[in-house]
């Protein structure tokens, strides 16, 4: 039996999106895989100016709801974690503690995404040396 690939999934506001779900199902169809969800606690809107760490509670909800949804869709999700507000630092922290075979970065569409303005998918590829797949997705609202 083939060994399962460990895939780091980096998402925040798109963690529960149908586009990301479809991409993960497509990846799972390629062979045995175990997903690990990382949600940087990146705040958005005016909150960022007041407190860089203000995105933590929202990120916790994104993690909880996204992991539940992905598992309910039959995907193997090993864990979900909230990371540093800086998405590059969050990924670096994750890869320093665990070995991943590849990374999937999910962002909002180009006209809305701060992560794409930072060139996050390419920066993650450069700092990790791992293959990175980019998924452009819609925002999912967190219901408390």
N, C-alpha and C. Protein backbone atom coordinates (compact mmCIF):
# COMPACT_ATOMS: atom_id res chain seq x y z
N UNK A 1 0.84 -1.19 0.00
CA UNK A 1 0.00 0.00 0.00
C UNK A 1 0.88 1.24 0.00
N UNK A 2 0.51 2.22 -0.81
CA UNK A 2 1.30 3.45 -0.92
C UNK A 2 1.18 4.26 0.36
N UNK A 3 2.27 4.93 0.70
CA UNK A 3 2.28 5.79 1.87
C UNK A 3 1.47 7.05 1.56
N UNK A 4 0.79 7.56 2.58
CA UNK A 4 -0.02 8.76 2.40
C UNK A 4 0.87 9.99 2.31
N UNK A 5 0.54 10.85 1.38
CA UNK A 5 1.22 12.13 1.26
C UNK A 5 0.68 13.06 2.35
N UNK A 6 1.56 13.83 2.97
CA UNK A 6 1.16 14.84 3.94
C UNK A 6 1.09 16.17 3.21
N UNK A 7 -0.11 16.76 3.18
CA UNK A 7 -0.33 18.01 2.44
C UNK A 7 -0.77 19.09 3.42
N UNK A 8 0.00 20.17 3.46
CA UNK A 8 -0.34 21.33 4.27
C UNK A 8 -1.30 22.21 3.46
N UNK A 9 -2.43 22.55 4.05
CA UNK A 9 -3.42 23.41 3.42
C UNK A 9 -3.44 24.73 4.17
N UNK A 10 -3.12 25.82 3.49
CA UNK A 10 -3.06 27.14 4.09
C UNK A 10 -4.25 27.95 3.59
N UNK A 11 -5.12 28.33 4.50
CA UNK A 11 -6.31 29.09 4.14
C UNK A 11 -6.75 29.89 5.35
N UNK A 12 -7.52 30.93 5.12
CA UNK A 12 -8.13 31.65 6.23
C UNK A 12 -9.59 31.86 5.87
N UNK A 13 -9.90 32.95 5.25
CA UNK A 13 -11.28 33.28 4.94
C UNK A 13 -11.89 32.36 3.89
N UNK A 14 -11.07 31.54 3.25
CA UNK A 14 -11.54 30.60 2.23
C UNK A 14 -11.53 29.15 2.72
N UNK A 15 -11.26 28.95 4.00
CA UNK A 15 -11.08 27.58 4.52
C UNK A 15 -12.28 26.68 4.31
N UNK A 16 -13.47 27.23 4.29
CA UNK A 16 -14.67 26.42 4.10
C UNK A 16 -15.28 26.55 2.73
N UNK A 17 -14.53 27.07 1.78
CA UNK A 17 -15.09 27.37 0.45
C UNK A 17 -15.30 26.11 -0.39
N UNK A 18 -16.29 26.16 -1.29
CA UNK A 18 -16.50 25.03 -2.19
C UNK A 18 -15.32 24.82 -3.14
N UNK A 19 -14.63 25.89 -3.52
CA UNK A 19 -13.48 25.76 -4.43
C UNK A 19 -12.34 24.99 -3.77
N UNK A 20 -12.08 25.29 -2.49
CA UNK A 20 -11.02 24.57 -1.78
C UNK A 20 -11.43 23.11 -1.58
N UNK A 21 -12.68 22.88 -1.21
CA UNK A 21 -13.17 21.51 -1.05
C UNK A 21 -12.98 20.72 -2.34
N UNK A 22 -13.33 21.32 -3.47
CA UNK A 22 -13.18 20.63 -4.76
C UNK A 22 -11.72 20.33 -5.05
N UNK A 23 -10.82 21.28 -4.75
CA UNK A 23 -9.39 21.07 -4.99
C UNK A 23 -8.85 19.94 -4.11
N UNK A 24 -9.30 19.88 -2.86
CA UNK A 24 -8.83 18.82 -1.97
C UNK A 24 -9.37 17.46 -2.39
N UNK A 25 -10.60 17.42 -2.85
CA UNK A 25 -11.15 16.15 -3.35
C UNK A 25 -10.38 15.70 -4.59
N UNK A 26 -10.05 16.66 -5.45
CA UNK A 26 -9.27 16.34 -6.65
C UNK A 26 -7.90 15.79 -6.26
N UNK A 27 -7.27 16.39 -5.26
CA UNK A 27 -5.97 15.91 -4.81
C UNK A 27 -6.09 14.52 -4.19
N UNK A 28 -7.15 14.29 -3.41
CA UNK A 28 -7.36 12.98 -2.78
C UNK A 28 -7.57 11.90 -3.84
N UNK A 29 -8.16 12.25 -4.96
CA UNK A 29 -8.38 11.28 -6.04
C UNK A 29 -7.08 10.85 -6.70
N UNK A 30 -6.01 11.63 -6.52
CA UNK A 30 -4.72 11.31 -7.13
C UNK A 30 -3.95 10.24 -6.36
N UNK A 31 -4.32 9.98 -5.11
CA UNK A 31 -3.63 8.98 -4.32
C UNK A 31 -3.81 9.25 -2.84
N UNK A 32 -3.36 8.32 -2.00
CA UNK A 32 -3.55 8.44 -0.56
C UNK A 32 -2.95 9.75 -0.03
N UNK A 33 -3.75 10.46 0.76
CA UNK A 33 -3.32 11.77 1.25
C UNK A 33 -3.94 12.06 2.62
N UNK A 34 -3.19 12.79 3.40
CA UNK A 34 -3.66 13.26 4.70
C UNK A 34 -3.44 14.77 4.71
N UNK A 35 -4.51 15.53 4.98
CA UNK A 35 -4.44 16.98 4.96
C UNK A 35 -4.22 17.54 6.37
N UNK A 36 -3.52 18.66 6.42
CA UNK A 36 -3.27 19.39 7.67
C UNK A 36 -3.65 20.84 7.39
N UNK A 37 -4.66 21.35 8.07
CA UNK A 37 -5.14 22.70 7.82
C UNK A 37 -4.42 23.71 8.71
N UNK A 38 -3.89 24.75 8.09
CA UNK A 38 -3.24 25.85 8.80
C UNK A 38 -3.99 27.13 8.46
N UNK A 39 -4.48 27.81 9.50
CA UNK A 39 -5.19 29.07 9.30
C UNK A 39 -4.41 30.17 10.02
N UNK A 40 -3.65 30.96 9.25
CA UNK A 40 -2.97 32.10 9.88
C UNK A 40 -4.03 33.04 10.48
N UNK A 41 -3.74 33.58 11.63
CA UNK A 41 -4.72 34.42 12.32
C UNK A 41 -4.68 35.85 11.80
N UNK A 42 -4.63 35.97 10.49
CA UNK A 42 -4.54 37.27 9.83
C UNK A 42 -5.84 38.04 10.00
N UNK A 43 -5.79 39.20 10.66
CA UNK A 43 -6.99 40.01 10.77
C UNK A 43 -7.27 40.71 9.45
N UNK A 44 -8.49 41.16 9.27
CA UNK A 44 -8.81 41.92 8.08
C UNK A 44 -9.63 43.15 8.46
N UNK A 45 -9.72 44.06 7.53
CA UNK A 45 -10.47 45.28 7.80
C UNK A 45 -9.73 46.18 8.77
N UNK A 46 -10.47 46.98 9.51
CA UNK A 46 -9.92 47.96 10.45
C UNK A 46 -9.23 47.29 11.63
N UNK A 47 -9.60 46.05 11.94
CA UNK A 47 -9.02 45.34 13.09
C UNK A 47 -7.50 45.26 12.98
N UNK A 48 -7.00 45.10 11.75
CA UNK A 48 -5.56 44.95 11.55
C UNK A 48 -4.81 46.17 12.07
N UNK A 49 -5.34 47.35 11.83
CA UNK A 49 -4.66 48.58 12.25
C UNK A 49 -4.60 48.69 13.77
N UNK A 50 -5.61 48.19 14.45
CA UNK A 50 -5.67 48.30 15.91
C UNK A 50 -4.85 47.22 16.61
N UNK A 51 -4.88 45.99 16.08
CA UNK A 51 -4.22 44.88 16.75
C UNK A 51 -3.92 43.79 15.74
N UNK A 52 -2.63 43.59 15.43
CA UNK A 52 -2.22 42.60 14.45
C UNK A 52 -2.66 41.19 14.83
N UNK A 53 -2.88 40.93 16.10
CA UNK A 53 -3.27 39.59 16.56
C UNK A 53 -4.77 39.45 16.77
N UNK A 54 -5.54 40.38 16.26
CA UNK A 54 -6.99 40.36 16.50
C UNK A 54 -7.73 39.30 15.70
N UNK A 55 -7.08 38.62 14.79
CA UNK A 55 -7.74 37.60 13.97
C UNK A 55 -7.81 36.24 14.60
N UNK A 56 -7.28 36.07 15.81
CA UNK A 56 -7.18 34.75 16.43
C UNK A 56 -8.48 34.03 16.65
N UNK A 57 -9.47 34.70 17.24
CA UNK A 57 -10.73 34.01 17.55
C UNK A 57 -11.48 33.64 16.27
N UNK A 58 -11.44 34.51 15.27
CA UNK A 58 -12.08 34.19 13.99
C UNK A 58 -11.35 33.01 13.32
N UNK A 59 -10.03 33.00 13.40
CA UNK A 59 -9.25 31.91 12.81
C UNK A 59 -9.58 30.58 13.49
N UNK A 60 -9.76 30.60 14.81
CA UNK A 60 -10.13 29.37 15.54
C UNK A 60 -11.45 28.81 15.01
N UNK A 61 -12.41 29.70 14.76
CA UNK A 61 -13.70 29.26 14.22
C UNK A 61 -13.55 28.72 12.80
N UNK A 62 -12.73 29.38 11.98
CA UNK A 62 -12.47 28.88 10.62
C UNK A 62 -11.89 27.48 10.68
N UNK A 63 -10.94 27.26 11.57
CA UNK A 63 -10.31 25.94 11.70
C UNK A 63 -11.36 24.90 12.10
N UNK A 64 -12.08 25.18 13.15
CA UNK A 64 -13.05 24.20 13.67
C UNK A 64 -14.09 23.83 12.61
N UNK A 65 -14.70 24.84 12.01
CA UNK A 65 -15.75 24.58 11.03
C UNK A 65 -15.21 23.93 9.76
N UNK A 66 -14.05 24.37 9.30
CA UNK A 66 -13.49 23.80 8.07
C UNK A 66 -13.08 22.33 8.28
N UNK A 67 -12.45 22.03 9.39
CA UNK A 67 -12.06 20.64 9.65
C UNK A 67 -13.30 19.74 9.71
N UNK A 68 -14.34 20.19 10.40
CA UNK A 68 -15.59 19.42 10.47
C UNK A 68 -16.16 19.18 9.07
N UNK A 69 -16.19 20.24 8.26
CA UNK A 69 -16.77 20.12 6.92
C UNK A 69 -15.95 19.19 6.04
N UNK A 70 -14.62 19.35 6.06
CA UNK A 70 -13.78 18.51 5.22
C UNK A 70 -13.89 17.05 5.61
N UNK A 71 -13.91 16.78 6.91
CA UNK A 71 -14.07 15.39 7.36
C UNK A 71 -15.43 14.83 6.97
N UNK A 72 -16.48 15.67 7.07
CA UNK A 72 -17.82 15.20 6.71
C UNK A 72 -17.92 14.88 5.22
N UNK A 73 -17.01 15.45 4.43
CA UNK A 73 -16.97 15.18 2.98
C UNK A 73 -16.08 13.98 2.66
N UNK A 74 -15.60 13.30 3.69
CA UNK A 74 -14.82 12.08 3.49
C UNK A 74 -13.32 12.29 3.32
N UNK A 75 -12.84 13.50 3.55
CA UNK A 75 -11.41 13.76 3.45
C UNK A 75 -10.72 13.48 4.78
N UNK A 76 -9.51 12.95 4.70
CA UNK A 76 -8.75 12.71 5.92
C UNK A 76 -8.00 13.98 6.31
N UNK A 77 -8.46 14.59 7.37
CA UNK A 77 -7.83 15.81 7.89
C UNK A 77 -7.24 15.45 9.24
N UNK A 78 -5.91 15.43 9.29
CA UNK A 78 -5.21 15.03 10.50
C UNK A 78 -5.40 16.04 11.62
N UNK A 79 -5.27 17.32 11.29
CA UNK A 79 -5.39 18.34 12.31
C UNK A 79 -5.66 19.69 11.67
N UNK A 80 -6.00 20.64 12.51
CA UNK A 80 -6.17 22.01 12.09
C UNK A 80 -5.55 22.90 13.14
N UNK A 81 -4.80 23.88 12.70
CA UNK A 81 -4.11 24.76 13.65
C UNK A 81 -4.24 26.21 13.21
N UNK A 82 -4.21 27.09 14.22
CA UNK A 82 -4.14 28.52 13.96
C UNK A 82 -2.67 28.90 14.01
N UNK A 83 -2.24 29.70 13.04
CA UNK A 83 -0.84 30.09 12.96
C UNK A 83 -0.63 31.58 13.14
N UNK A 84 0.61 31.96 13.01
CA UNK A 84 1.04 33.35 13.11
C UNK A 84 0.20 34.23 12.18
N UNK A 85 -0.03 35.50 12.54
CA UNK A 85 -0.76 36.39 11.64
C UNK A 85 -0.08 36.60 10.28
N UNK A 86 1.24 36.51 10.25
CA UNK A 86 1.98 36.61 9.00
C UNK A 86 1.92 35.23 8.34
N UNK A 87 1.25 35.10 7.19
CA UNK A 87 1.08 33.77 6.60
C UNK A 87 2.38 33.07 6.23
N UNK A 88 3.42 33.82 5.83
CA UNK A 88 4.70 33.19 5.52
C UNK A 88 5.33 32.63 6.80
N UNK A 89 5.29 33.41 7.87
CA UNK A 89 5.81 32.93 9.15
C UNK A 89 5.02 31.73 9.65
N UNK A 90 3.71 31.74 9.45
CA UNK A 90 2.88 30.61 9.87
C UNK A 90 3.30 29.33 9.15
N UNK A 91 3.53 29.45 7.84
CA UNK A 91 3.97 28.28 7.06
C UNK A 91 5.36 27.83 7.51
N UNK A 92 6.27 28.79 7.70
CA UNK A 92 7.62 28.43 8.15
C UNK A 92 7.56 27.69 9.49
N UNK A 93 6.72 28.16 10.42
CA UNK A 93 6.55 27.47 11.70
C UNK A 93 6.06 26.05 11.48
N UNK A 94 5.06 25.90 10.63
CA UNK A 94 4.48 24.57 10.39
C UNK A 94 5.51 23.60 9.81
N UNK A 95 6.28 24.05 8.81
CA UNK A 95 7.25 23.14 8.17
C UNK A 95 8.46 22.89 9.06
N UNK A 96 8.69 23.73 10.05
CA UNK A 96 9.78 23.48 10.99
C UNK A 96 9.43 22.37 11.98
N UNK A 97 8.14 22.13 12.18
CA UNK A 97 7.71 21.12 13.15
C UNK A 97 7.23 19.83 12.52
N UNK A 98 7.02 19.82 11.20
CA UNK A 98 6.51 18.63 10.54
C UNK A 98 6.96 18.63 9.09
N UNK A 99 7.17 17.47 8.55
CA UNK A 99 7.56 17.33 7.14
C UNK A 99 6.30 17.20 6.29
N UNK A 100 6.20 18.04 5.25
CA UNK A 100 5.08 17.98 4.32
C UNK A 100 5.61 17.67 2.93
N UNK A 101 4.79 16.98 2.15
CA UNK A 101 5.17 16.64 0.78
C UNK A 101 4.81 17.75 -0.21
N UNK A 102 3.76 18.46 0.10
CA UNK A 102 3.31 19.54 -0.77
C UNK A 102 2.43 20.49 0.03
N UNK A 103 2.13 21.64 -0.59
CA UNK A 103 1.35 22.67 0.10
C UNK A 103 0.29 23.20 -0.86
N UNK A 104 -0.90 23.40 -0.33
CA UNK A 104 -1.99 24.03 -1.08
C UNK A 104 -2.30 25.35 -0.39
N UNK A 105 -2.24 26.45 -1.14
CA UNK A 105 -2.54 27.77 -0.60
C UNK A 105 -3.84 28.24 -1.22
N UNK A 106 -4.82 28.54 -0.37
CA UNK A 106 -6.12 29.02 -0.83
C UNK A 106 -6.25 30.50 -0.50
N UNK A 107 -6.56 31.30 -1.52
CA UNK A 107 -6.70 32.74 -1.34
C UNK A 107 -8.02 33.22 -1.91
N UNK A 108 -8.36 34.43 -1.53
CA UNK A 108 -9.48 35.11 -2.18
C UNK A 108 -9.06 35.41 -3.62
N UNK A 109 -10.01 35.77 -4.48
CA UNK A 109 -9.66 36.13 -5.86
C UNK A 109 -8.69 37.32 -5.91
N UNK A 110 -7.99 37.43 -7.01
CA UNK A 110 -6.91 38.41 -7.17
C UNK A 110 -7.29 39.83 -6.77
N UNK A 111 -8.47 40.29 -7.13
CA UNK A 111 -8.86 41.67 -6.84
C UNK A 111 -9.16 41.91 -5.36
N UNK A 112 -9.28 40.86 -4.56
CA UNK A 112 -9.59 41.00 -3.13
C UNK A 112 -8.47 40.52 -2.21
N UNK A 113 -7.57 39.72 -2.72
CA UNK A 113 -6.62 38.99 -1.88
C UNK A 113 -5.39 39.80 -1.48
N UNK A 114 -5.22 39.99 -0.18
CA UNK A 114 -3.98 40.59 0.33
C UNK A 114 -2.84 39.58 0.20
N UNK A 115 -3.15 38.31 0.33
CA UNK A 115 -2.12 37.27 0.23
C UNK A 115 -1.53 37.23 -1.19
N UNK A 116 -2.35 37.46 -2.20
CA UNK A 116 -1.80 37.47 -3.56
C UNK A 116 -0.98 38.73 -3.80
N UNK A 117 -1.36 39.83 -3.18
CA UNK A 117 -0.54 41.04 -3.29
C UNK A 117 0.85 40.80 -2.68
N UNK A 118 0.91 39.91 -1.68
CA UNK A 118 2.19 39.53 -1.08
C UNK A 118 2.90 38.42 -1.87
N UNK A 119 2.25 37.94 -2.94
CA UNK A 119 2.77 36.83 -3.74
C UNK A 119 2.97 35.58 -2.88
N UNK A 120 2.00 35.34 -1.99
CA UNK A 120 2.13 34.25 -1.02
C UNK A 120 2.41 32.87 -1.63
N UNK A 121 1.69 32.42 -2.66
CA UNK A 121 1.99 31.08 -3.18
C UNK A 121 3.46 30.92 -3.60
N UNK A 122 4.02 31.92 -4.29
CA UNK A 122 5.42 31.82 -4.73
C UNK A 122 6.39 31.96 -3.55
N UNK A 123 6.06 32.82 -2.61
CA UNK A 123 6.94 32.97 -1.43
C UNK A 123 6.97 31.68 -0.62
N UNK A 124 5.84 31.02 -0.47
CA UNK A 124 5.78 29.75 0.26
C UNK A 124 6.62 28.70 -0.46
N UNK A 125 6.51 28.67 -1.77
CA UNK A 125 7.31 27.71 -2.55
C UNK A 125 8.81 27.97 -2.36
N UNK A 126 9.20 29.25 -2.38
CA UNK A 126 10.62 29.58 -2.21
C UNK A 126 11.13 29.23 -0.82
N UNK A 127 10.38 29.54 0.23
CA UNK A 127 10.89 29.31 1.59
C UNK A 127 10.83 27.85 2.01
N UNK A 128 9.95 27.06 1.38
CA UNK A 128 9.83 25.65 1.79
C UNK A 128 10.51 24.69 0.83
N UNK A 129 10.65 25.08 -0.44
CA UNK A 129 11.18 24.16 -1.44
C UNK A 129 10.19 23.07 -1.82
N UNK A 130 8.95 23.20 -1.41
CA UNK A 130 7.91 22.20 -1.70
C UNK A 130 7.03 22.67 -2.85
N UNK A 131 6.43 21.74 -3.58
CA UNK A 131 5.49 22.14 -4.62
C UNK A 131 4.26 22.79 -3.99
N UNK A 132 3.83 23.90 -4.59
CA UNK A 132 2.69 24.65 -4.08
C UNK A 132 1.61 24.74 -5.15
N UNK A 133 0.39 24.43 -4.76
CA UNK A 133 -0.77 24.59 -5.62
C UNK A 133 -1.57 25.76 -5.09
N UNK A 134 -1.97 26.67 -5.98
CA UNK A 134 -2.78 27.82 -5.57
C UNK A 134 -4.24 27.58 -5.96
N UNK A 135 -5.15 27.85 -5.01
CA UNK A 135 -6.58 27.75 -5.25
C UNK A 135 -7.18 29.13 -4.99
N UNK A 136 -7.87 29.68 -5.98
CA UNK A 136 -8.58 30.93 -5.80
C UNK A 136 -10.02 30.57 -5.41
N UNK A 137 -10.47 31.13 -4.28
CA UNK A 137 -11.75 30.70 -3.72
C UNK A 137 -12.55 31.88 -3.17
N UNK A 138 -13.78 31.61 -2.87
CA UNK A 138 -14.66 32.63 -2.31
C UNK A 138 -14.57 32.60 -0.78
N UNK A 139 -14.89 33.71 -0.18
CA UNK A 139 -14.89 33.81 1.28
C UNK A 139 -16.05 33.03 1.85
N UNK A 140 -15.79 32.37 2.97
CA UNK A 140 -16.86 31.69 3.69
C UNK A 140 -17.06 32.41 5.00
N UNK A 141 -18.31 32.67 5.32
CA UNK A 141 -18.62 33.38 6.56
C UNK A 141 -18.56 32.42 7.73
N UNK A 142 -18.02 32.91 8.83
CA UNK A 142 -17.94 32.13 10.05
C UNK A 142 -19.20 32.40 10.85
N UNK A 143 -19.91 31.34 11.16
CA UNK A 143 -21.10 31.47 12.01
C UNK A 143 -20.71 31.10 13.43
N UNK A 144 -20.91 32.02 14.35
CA UNK A 144 -20.51 31.78 15.75
C UNK A 144 -21.40 30.75 16.40
